[in-house]
Protein backbone atom coordinates (compact mmCIF):
# COMPACT_ATOMS: atom_id res chain seq x y z
CA MET A 1 -49.58 -2.38 -56.88
CA VAL A 2 -48.60 -1.05 -60.28
CA LYS A 3 -50.39 -0.27 -63.55
CA SER A 4 -49.43 1.23 -66.87
CA GLY A 5 -52.14 3.54 -68.18
CA ARG A 6 -52.35 5.11 -71.63
CA THR A 7 -52.54 8.62 -70.20
CA SER A 8 -50.96 8.53 -66.73
CA GLY A 9 -48.16 6.10 -67.59
CA VAL A 10 -46.80 3.81 -64.89
CA THR A 11 -48.30 4.57 -61.48
CA TYR A 12 -48.09 2.82 -58.11
CA GLY A 13 -50.80 2.37 -55.51
CA ILE A 14 -51.95 0.61 -52.39
CA VAL A 15 -55.38 -0.88 -51.78
CA SER A 16 -57.24 1.51 -49.50
CA ARG A 17 -60.75 -0.03 -49.50
CA VAL A 18 -62.34 -3.28 -50.65
CA GLY A 19 -65.97 -4.03 -51.40
CA VAL A 20 -66.47 -0.66 -53.09
CA THR A 21 -69.50 -0.07 -55.33
CA VAL A 22 -69.29 2.82 -57.78
CA THR A 23 -72.17 4.19 -59.84
CA THR A 24 -70.92 5.24 -63.28
CA ASP A 25 -73.03 7.01 -65.89
CA TYR A 26 -72.11 5.69 -69.34
CA GLY A 27 -74.81 7.80 -71.01
CA GLY A 28 -76.95 6.80 -73.96
CA ASP A 29 -78.88 3.54 -73.78
CA VAL A 30 -76.56 2.17 -71.07
CA GLY A 31 -77.11 4.92 -68.49
CA GLU A 32 -76.00 4.44 -64.88
CA VAL A 33 -74.38 1.16 -63.92
CA GLN A 34 -73.18 -0.01 -60.51
CA VAL A 35 -69.74 -1.60 -60.62
CA GLY A 36 -68.05 -3.37 -57.71
CA GLY A 37 -64.37 -3.52 -56.94
CA PHE A 38 -61.69 -1.96 -54.77
CA GLU A 39 -60.13 1.47 -54.26
CA ILE A 40 -56.46 2.31 -54.78
CA LYS A 41 -54.66 5.32 -53.27
CA PRO A 42 -51.23 6.49 -54.46
CA ASN A 43 -48.30 4.65 -52.94
CA PRO A 44 -46.58 7.33 -50.81
CA SER A 45 -43.16 5.76 -51.41
CA LYS A 46 -43.69 5.94 -55.21
CA PRO A 47 -45.93 8.99 -55.80
CA PRO A 48 -47.29 9.74 -59.28
CA VAL A 49 -45.13 12.20 -61.22
CA GLU A 50 -48.04 14.43 -62.25
CA GLY A 51 -49.92 13.89 -58.97
CA GLU A 52 -52.57 11.73 -60.64
CA ILE A 53 -52.67 7.98 -60.12
CA THR A 54 -55.05 7.75 -63.07
CA ASP A 55 -56.43 9.92 -65.86
CA VAL A 56 -58.94 9.76 -68.70
CA GLY A 57 -57.89 6.99 -71.08
CA ASP A 58 -56.44 4.63 -68.46
CA SER A 59 -59.55 2.43 -68.25
CA GLY A 60 -58.79 -1.16 -69.17
CA SER A 61 -55.32 -1.12 -67.61
CA ILE A 62 -54.53 -3.92 -65.22
CA TRP A 63 -53.38 -3.46 -61.64
CA MET A 64 -50.65 -5.96 -60.74
CA VAL A 65 -48.62 -6.90 -57.68
CA ASP A 66 -45.59 -4.59 -57.49
CA THR A 67 -42.70 -6.95 -56.87
CA ASN A 68 -39.71 -8.43 -58.64
CA GLY A 69 -40.16 -11.77 -56.89
CA PRO A 70 -41.90 -14.94 -58.03
CA ASP A 71 -45.34 -13.30 -57.70
CA LYS A 72 -44.51 -10.43 -60.07
CA ASP A 73 -47.06 -11.48 -62.67
CA VAL A 74 -50.11 -11.53 -60.37
CA VAL A 75 -53.02 -9.50 -61.75
CA LEU A 76 -55.34 -8.07 -59.09
CA GLY A 77 -57.79 -5.85 -60.93
CA LEU A 78 -59.02 -4.13 -64.08
CA HIS A 79 -58.88 -0.34 -63.83
CA PHE A 80 -62.10 1.47 -64.70
CA ALA A 81 -62.45 4.76 -62.80
CA GLY A 82 -60.83 7.50 -60.78
CA GLU A 83 -61.80 10.62 -58.92
CA THR A 84 -61.91 14.12 -60.43
CA GLU A 85 -61.42 16.13 -57.24
CA PRO A 86 -58.65 18.76 -57.31
CA ASP A 87 -57.74 17.98 -53.67
CA PRO A 88 -54.63 15.70 -53.67
CA ALA A 89 -55.86 14.04 -50.46
CA GLU A 90 -58.84 12.66 -52.42
CA GLU A 91 -56.67 11.07 -55.15
CA HIS A 92 -57.73 7.48 -55.87
CA ALA A 93 -58.53 4.94 -58.57
CA VAL A 94 -61.06 2.12 -58.70
CA ALA A 95 -60.58 -1.35 -60.15
CA CYS A 96 -62.82 -4.38 -60.64
CA ASN A 97 -61.65 -7.56 -58.95
CA ILE A 98 -59.93 -9.54 -61.68
CA HIS A 99 -61.67 -12.77 -60.67
CA SER A 100 -65.07 -11.15 -61.30
CA VAL A 101 -63.96 -9.84 -64.70
CA LEU A 102 -62.57 -13.20 -65.78
CA GLN A 103 -65.69 -15.01 -64.61
CA LYS A 104 -68.02 -12.65 -66.49
CA LEU A 105 -65.93 -12.91 -69.67
CA ARG A 106 -65.56 -16.69 -69.24
CA ILE A 107 -61.79 -16.56 -69.65
CA SER A 108 -58.81 -17.55 -67.51
CA PHE A 109 -55.13 -16.78 -67.28
CA ILE A 110 -52.67 -19.65 -67.38
CA ARG A 111 -49.03 -19.57 -66.35
CA PRO A 112 -46.73 -20.54 -69.21
CA PRO A 113 -44.66 -23.67 -68.64
CA THR A 114 -41.26 -23.16 -67.07
CA PRO A 115 -38.50 -23.77 -69.64
C-alpha cells in the first residue's frame, strides 16, 4: 500500500489487521467517536524515511494499492489516525475502508474511459 500525506510524505505499508475499531476523541460537541477500519504497519521493504508511517496532518490521505500494473489506481482506505508511541515496533496507521466512506458520503469513483 502507499499514501502521500501532507506531513509524512509518501509512505508504504502493509495491512496488519482488519476489522479494527478505534475510539477517537474529537473534543468539543463531538467528543469520542468509534471509527472502524483497518491497521497498516510500515512495509519493511520500503521503510519510512523518518521512521513514521504517518504524522499529524496526514488525515484525509488515501491508501492505494502499491503497484505499477493495471490495478495501480485502486483505493483501499481513507487515512484518519496513527499511534503516538515512541517504540518503533508499535508504529502503525489506521484507515477507514473506502467502501464505507463512499457509502456514507453517497459518492462513487468511476474509471475514466480508455482512449
